[in-house]
Amino acid sequence: MRLDTGCEVYNLITLQTVHRLHMSDKVIIYSEPICTCLNGEQLISMGTLVLRWKGKRFRKIFTTVFHVINGDSLPWEVILGAETIHEHSILKFAGFGGASPILPKKTKDEKVHATARKQERDRKAAANDAKVNADIRAKEEAAWQTRSNADGSNPGSSGVNRG
């Protein structure tokens, strides 16, 4: 199964895969163009099929509508579109498809840029922390000054108990 975040709305399954699953009788047949391929041709859905499925190494069972596509040389059997991936948080399942997503390695320039961004973010965070701490100290000092002035202006608060 392939995940295709570029296939925004539709989930796709090949007619050959439907036959192999012995589910041809479950297809709701109608012909509909569902998108334009990169080569400019229309991708035509033969109909839809509701499947219950799960990925490798996790228990959750999904129920999903797939558009059935007839094609002899398609390089895939099943494609999950972006909407389904997002709706079911598929990428959070580390075991999906037998492997977790592999991200491309960063180039040396990308690593240098990322390091510089992190250092800049850390510098700004430290400056903000220092400003917050200075503001807290200033407020505490102002509150102490206010209390000292209030205590000093009260004639009965000289610290001597007259009782």
C-alpha atoms as a PDB file:
ATOM      1  CA  MET A   1       0.000   0.000   0.000  1.00  0.00           C
ATOM      2  CA  ARG A   2       1.281   3.456  -0.863  1.00  0.00           C
ATOM      3  CA  LEU A   3       0.575   6.680   0.967  1.00  0.00           C
ATOM      4  CA  ASP A   4       0.065   9.606  -1.396  1.00  0.00           C
ATOM      5  CA  THR A   5      -0.448  13.012   0.175  1.00  0.00           C
ATOM      6  CA  GLY A   6      -0.557  14.440  -3.364  1.00  0.00           C
ATOM      7  CA  CYS A   7      -3.738  12.458  -4.017  1.00  0.00           C
ATOM      8  CA  GLU A   8      -5.800  14.798  -1.891  1.00  0.00           C
ATOM      9  CA  VAL A   9      -9.281  13.298  -1.802  1.00  0.00           C
ATOM     10  CA  TYR A  10      -9.399   9.824  -3.316  1.00  0.00           C
ATOM     11  CA  ASN A  11      -8.271   6.394  -2.196  1.00  0.00           C
ATOM     12  CA  LEU A  12      -7.492   4.144  -5.151  1.00  0.00           C
ATOM     13  CA  ILE A  13      -7.365   0.392  -5.732  1.00  0.00           C
ATOM     14  CA  THR A  14      -6.614  -1.444  -8.984  1.00  0.00           C
ATOM     15  CA  LEU A  15      -9.198  -3.684 -10.598  1.00  0.00           C
ATOM     16  CA  GLN A  16      -6.639  -6.511 -10.551  1.00  0.00           C
ATOM     17  CA  THR A  17      -6.337  -6.192  -6.767  1.00  0.00           C
ATOM     18  CA  VAL A  18     -10.141  -6.233  -6.422  1.00  0.00           C
ATOM     19  CA  HIS A  19     -10.223  -9.485  -8.467  1.00  0.00           C
ATOM     20  CA  ARG A  20      -7.432 -10.985  -6.344  1.00  0.00           C
ATOM     21  CA  LEU A  21      -9.438 -10.147  -3.197  1.00  0.00           C
ATOM     22  CA  HIS A  22     -12.523 -11.801  -4.774  1.00  0.00           C
ATOM     23  CA  MET A  23     -14.533  -8.628  -4.192  1.00  0.00           C
ATOM     24  CA  SER A  24     -15.602  -7.800  -7.765  1.00  0.00           C
ATOM     25  CA  ASP A  25     -19.243  -8.318  -6.821  1.00  0.00           C
ATOM     26  CA  LYS A  26     -18.943  -5.617  -4.106  1.00  0.00           C
ATOM     27  CA  VAL A  27     -17.983  -2.809  -6.536  1.00  0.00           C
ATOM     28  CA  ILE A  28     -20.647  -0.158  -7.062  1.00  0.00           C
ATOM     29  CA  ILE A  29     -20.136   0.417 -10.771  1.00  0.00           C
ATOM     30  CA  TYR A  30     -20.198   3.839 -12.411  1.00  0.00           C
ATOM     31  CA  SER A  31     -17.681   5.620 -14.599  1.00  0.00           C
ATOM     32  CA  GLU A  32     -16.362   8.953 -13.400  1.00  0.00           C
ATOM     33  CA  PRO A  33     -13.208  10.992 -14.092  1.00  0.00           C
ATOM     34  CA  ILE A  34     -11.680  11.703 -10.674  1.00  0.00           C
ATOM     35  CA  CYS A  35      -8.484  13.592 -11.468  1.00  0.00           C
ATOM     36  CA  THR A  36      -5.959  14.548 -14.123  1.00  0.00           C
ATOM     37  CA  CYS A  37      -2.671  12.644 -14.083  1.00  0.00           C
ATOM     38  CA  LEU A  38       0.745  14.249 -14.505  1.00  0.00           C
ATOM     39  CA  ASN A  39       0.760  13.185 -18.164  1.00  0.00           C
ATOM     40  CA  GLY A  40      -2.478  15.136 -18.714  1.00  0.00           C
ATOM     41  CA  GLU A  41      -4.752  12.116 -19.060  1.00  0.00           C
ATOM     42  CA  GLN A  42      -7.942  11.768 -17.042  1.00  0.00           C
ATOM     43  CA  LEU A  43      -7.940   9.033 -14.388  1.00  0.00           C
ATOM     44  CA  ILE A  44     -11.283   7.258 -14.679  1.00  0.00           C
ATOM     45  CA  SER A  45     -12.884   5.491 -11.728  1.00  0.00           C
ATOM     46  CA  MET A  46     -14.868   2.370 -12.672  1.00  0.00           C
ATOM     47  CA  GLY A  47     -16.781   2.616  -9.421  1.00  0.00           C
ATOM     48  CA  THR A  48     -16.274   2.425  -5.679  1.00  0.00           C
ATOM     49  CA  LEU A  49     -15.639  -0.295  -3.151  1.00  0.00           C
ATOM     50  CA  VAL A  50     -15.839  -0.096   0.644  1.00  0.00           C
ATOM     51  CA  LEU A  51     -13.029  -2.066   2.273  1.00  0.00           C
ATOM     52  CA  ARG A  52     -12.155  -2.911   5.854  1.00  0.00           C
ATOM     53  CA  TRP A  53      -8.382  -3.138   6.214  1.00  0.00           C
ATOM     54  CA  LYS A  54      -5.470  -2.781   8.607  1.00  0.00           C
ATOM     55  CA  GLY A  55      -1.755  -2.212   8.318  1.00  0.00           C
ATOM     56  CA  LYS A  56       0.972  -4.526   9.505  1.00  0.00           C
ATOM     57  CA  ARG A  57       1.734  -4.693  13.249  1.00  0.00           C
ATOM     58  CA  PHE A  58      -1.209  -2.692  14.549  1.00  0.00           C
ATOM     59  CA  ARG A  59      -4.696  -3.644  15.615  1.00  0.00           C
ATOM     60  CA  LYS A  60      -6.947  -0.854  14.379  1.00  0.00           C
ATOM     61  CA  ILE A  61      -9.246  -1.790  11.493  1.00  0.00           C
ATOM     62  CA  PHE A  62     -10.187   0.986   9.075  1.00  0.00           C
ATOM     63  CA  THR A  63     -13.254   1.207   6.837  1.00  0.00           C
ATOM     64  CA  THR A  64     -12.514   3.198   3.683  1.00  0.00           C
ATOM     65  CA  VAL A  65     -14.104   3.939   0.299  1.00  0.00           C
ATOM     66  CA  PHE A  66     -11.774   3.202  -2.637  1.00  0.00           C
ATOM     67  CA  HIS A  67     -12.180   4.172  -6.289  1.00  0.00           C
ATOM     68  CA  VAL A  68     -11.517   1.180  -8.542  1.00  0.00           C
ATOM     69  CA  ILE A  69      -9.075   1.931 -11.363  1.00  0.00           C
ATOM     70  CA  ASN A  70      -8.529  -0.316 -14.369  1.00  0.00           C
ATOM     71  CA  GLY A  71      -4.999  -0.283 -15.709  1.00  0.00           C
ATOM     72  CA  ASP A  72      -2.549  -2.927 -16.858  1.00  0.00           C
ATOM     73  CA  SER A  73       0.717  -1.238 -15.958  1.00  0.00           C
ATOM     74  CA  LEU A  74      -0.038   0.699 -12.816  1.00  0.00           C
ATOM     75  CA  PRO A  75       2.970   0.776 -10.446  1.00  0.00           C
ATOM     76  CA  TRP A  76       0.748   0.367  -7.369  1.00  0.00           C
ATOM     77  CA  GLU A  77      -2.094  -1.781  -6.059  1.00  0.00           C
ATOM     78  CA  VAL A  78      -3.633   0.499  -3.424  1.00  0.00           C
ATOM     79  CA  ILE A  79      -3.154   4.196  -2.714  1.00  0.00           C
ATOM     80  CA  LEU A  80      -4.379   5.969   0.404  1.00  0.00           C
ATOM     81  CA  GLY A  81      -5.074   9.629  -0.281  1.00  0.00           C
ATOM     82  CA  ALA A  82      -4.188  12.602   1.903  1.00  0.00           C
ATOM     83  CA  GLU A  83      -7.691  12.972   3.342  1.00  0.00           C
ATOM     84  CA  THR A  84      -7.722   9.396   4.695  1.00  0.00           C
ATOM     85  CA  ILE A  85      -4.122   9.667   5.912  1.00  0.00           C
ATOM     86  CA  HIS A  86      -5.019  12.798   7.870  1.00  0.00           C
ATOM     87  CA  GLU A  87      -8.447  11.597   9.059  1.00  0.00           C
ATOM     88  CA  HIS A  88      -7.040   8.427  10.615  1.00  0.00           C
ATOM     89  CA  SER A  89      -3.610   9.847  11.604  1.00  0.00           C
ATOM     90  CA  ILE A  90      -1.997   7.060   9.580  1.00  0.00           C
ATOM     91  CA  LEU A  91       1.519   8.508   9.777  1.00  0.00           C
ATOM     92  CA  LYS A  92       1.438   8.174  13.580  1.00  0.00           C
ATOM     93  CA  PHE A  93       1.433   4.388  13.222  1.00  0.00           C
ATOM     94  CA  ALA A  94       5.129   3.477  13.200  1.00  0.00           C
ATOM     95  CA  GLY A  95       4.338   0.005  11.879  1.00  0.00           C
ATOM     96  CA  PHE A  96       2.279   1.164   8.910  1.00  0.00           C
ATOM     97  CA  GLY A  97       3.206  -0.766   5.800  1.00  0.00           C
ATOM     98  CA  GLY A  98       5.963  -2.598   7.640  1.00  0.00           C
ATOM     99  CA  ALA A  99       8.226   0.434   8.017  1.00  0.00           C
ATOM    100  CA  SER A 100       8.161   3.940   9.354  1.00  0.00           C
ATOM    101  CA  PRO A 101       8.480   6.786   6.854  1.00  0.00           C
ATOM    102  CA  ILE A 102      12.044   7.404   5.751  1.00  0.00           C
ATOM    103  CA  LEU A 103      12.923  11.051   5.525  1.00  0.00           C
ATOM    104  CA  PRO A 104      15.631  12.172   3.098  1.00  0.00           C
ATOM    105  CA  LYS A 105      19.002  12.971   4.613  1.00  0.00           C
ATOM    106  CA  LYS A 106      19.832  16.640   5.002  1.00  0.00           C
ATOM    107  CA  THR A 107      22.665  18.116   2.979  1.00  0.00           C
ATOM    108  CA  LYS A 108      25.615  19.719   4.735  1.00  0.00           C
ATOM    109  CA  ASP A 109      24.236  23.199   3.931  1.00  0.00           C
ATOM    110  CA  GLU A 110      20.805  22.247   5.315  1.00  0.00           C
ATOM    111  CA  LYS A 111      22.427  20.966   8.524  1.00  0.00           C
ATOM    112  CA  VAL A 112      24.451  24.198   8.899  1.00  0.00           C
ATOM    113  CA  HIS A 113      21.314  26.281   8.281  1.00  0.00           C
ATOM    114  CA  ALA A 114      19.279  24.216  10.783  1.00  0.00           C
ATOM    115  CA  THR A 115      22.030  24.557  13.395  1.00  0.00           C
ATOM    116  CA  ALA A 116      22.191  28.330  12.857  1.00  0.00           C
ATOM    117  CA  ARG A 117      18.390  28.593  13.169  1.00  0.00           C
ATOM    118  CA  LYS A 118      18.461  26.570  16.400  1.00  0.00           C
ATOM    119  CA  GLN A 119      21.225  28.746  17.844  1.00  0.00           C
ATOM    120  CA  GLU A 120      19.316  31.912  16.902  1.00  0.00           C
ATOM    121  CA  ARG A 121      16.122  30.524  18.455  1.00  0.00           C
ATOM    122  CA  ASP A 122      18.024  29.579  21.624  1.00  0.00           C
ATOM    123  CA  ARG A 123      19.619  33.053  21.779  1.00  0.00           C
ATOM    124  CA  LYS A 124      16.216  34.747  21.424  1.00  0.00           C
ATOM    125  CA  ALA A 125      14.698  32.429  24.044  1.00  0.00           C
ATOM    126  CA  ALA A 126      17.526  33.239  26.481  1.00  0.00           C
ATOM    127  CA  ALA A 127      17.075  36.980  25.846  1.00  0.00           C
ATOM    128  CA  ASN A 128      13.333  36.640  26.417  1.00  0.00           C
ATOM    129  CA  ASP A 129      13.921  34.670  29.640  1.00  0.00           C
ATOM    130  CA  ALA A 130      16.291  37.404  30.867  1.00  0.00           C
ATOM    131  CA  LYS A 131      13.712  40.098  30.039  1.00  0.00           C
ATOM    132  CA  VAL A 132      10.956  38.187  31.841  1.00  0.00           C
ATOM    133  CA  ASN A 133      13.179  37.713  34.910  1.00  0.00           C
ATOM    134  CA  ALA A 134      14.102  41.432  34.874  1.00  0.00           C
ATOM    135  CA  ASP A 135      10.409  42.369  34.660  1.00  0.00           C
ATOM    136  CA  ILE A 136       9.596  40.071  37.589  1.00  0.00           C
ATOM    137  CA  ARG A 137      12.427  41.595  39.669  1.00  0.00           C
ATOM    138  CA  ALA A 138      11.261  45.126  38.768  1.00  0.00           C
ATOM    139  CA  LYS A 139       7.679  44.324  39.823  1.00  0.00           C
ATOM    140  CA  GLU A 140       8.878  42.738  43.067  1.00  0.00           C
ATOM    141  CA  GLU A 141      11.071  45.788  43.751  1.00  0.00           C
ATOM    142  CA  ALA A 142       8.168  48.158  43.023  1.00  0.00           C
ATOM    143  CA  ALA A 143       5.885  46.152  45.312  1.00  0.00           C
ATOM    144  CA  TRP A 144       8.536  46.215  48.061  1.00  0.00           C
ATOM    145  CA  GLN A 145       8.983  49.976  47.607  1.00  0.00           C
ATOM    146  CA  THR A 146       5.214  50.491  47.786  1.00  0.00           C
ATOM    147  CA  ARG A 147       5.001  48.446  50.988  1.00  0.00           C
ATOM    148  CA  SER A 148       7.988  50.296  52.488  1.00  0.00           C
ATOM    149  CA  ASN A 149       6.482  53.694  51.662  1.00  0.00           C
ATOM    150  CA  ALA A 150       3.097  52.672  53.047  1.00  0.00           C
ATOM    151  CA  ASP A 151       4.706  51.364  56.247  1.00  0.00           C
ATOM    152  CA  GLY A 152       6.880  54.491  56.637  1.00  0.00           C
ATOM    153  CA  SER A 153       4.012  56.957  56.214  1.00  0.00           C
ATOM    154  CA  ASN A 154       1.866  55.299  58.909  1.00  0.00           C
ATOM    155  CA  PRO A 155       2.730  56.910  62.260  1.00  0.00           C
ATOM    156  CA  GLY A 156       1.671  53.886  64.221  1.00  0.00           C
ATOM    157  CA  SER A 157       4.020  51.577  62.368  1.00  0.00           C
ATOM    158  CA  SER A 158       7.372  52.608  63.779  1.00  0.00           C
ATOM    159  CA  GLY A 159       7.964  49.108  64.967  1.00  0.00           C
ATOM    160  CA  VAL A 160       7.372  50.041  68.611  1.00  0.00           C
ATOM    161  CA  ASN A 161       4.549  48.270  70.333  1.00  0.00           C
ATOM    162  CA  ARG A 162       2.644  50.869  72.361  1.00  0.00           C
ATOM    163  CA  GLY A 163       0.271  48.434  73.920  1.00  0.00           C
END
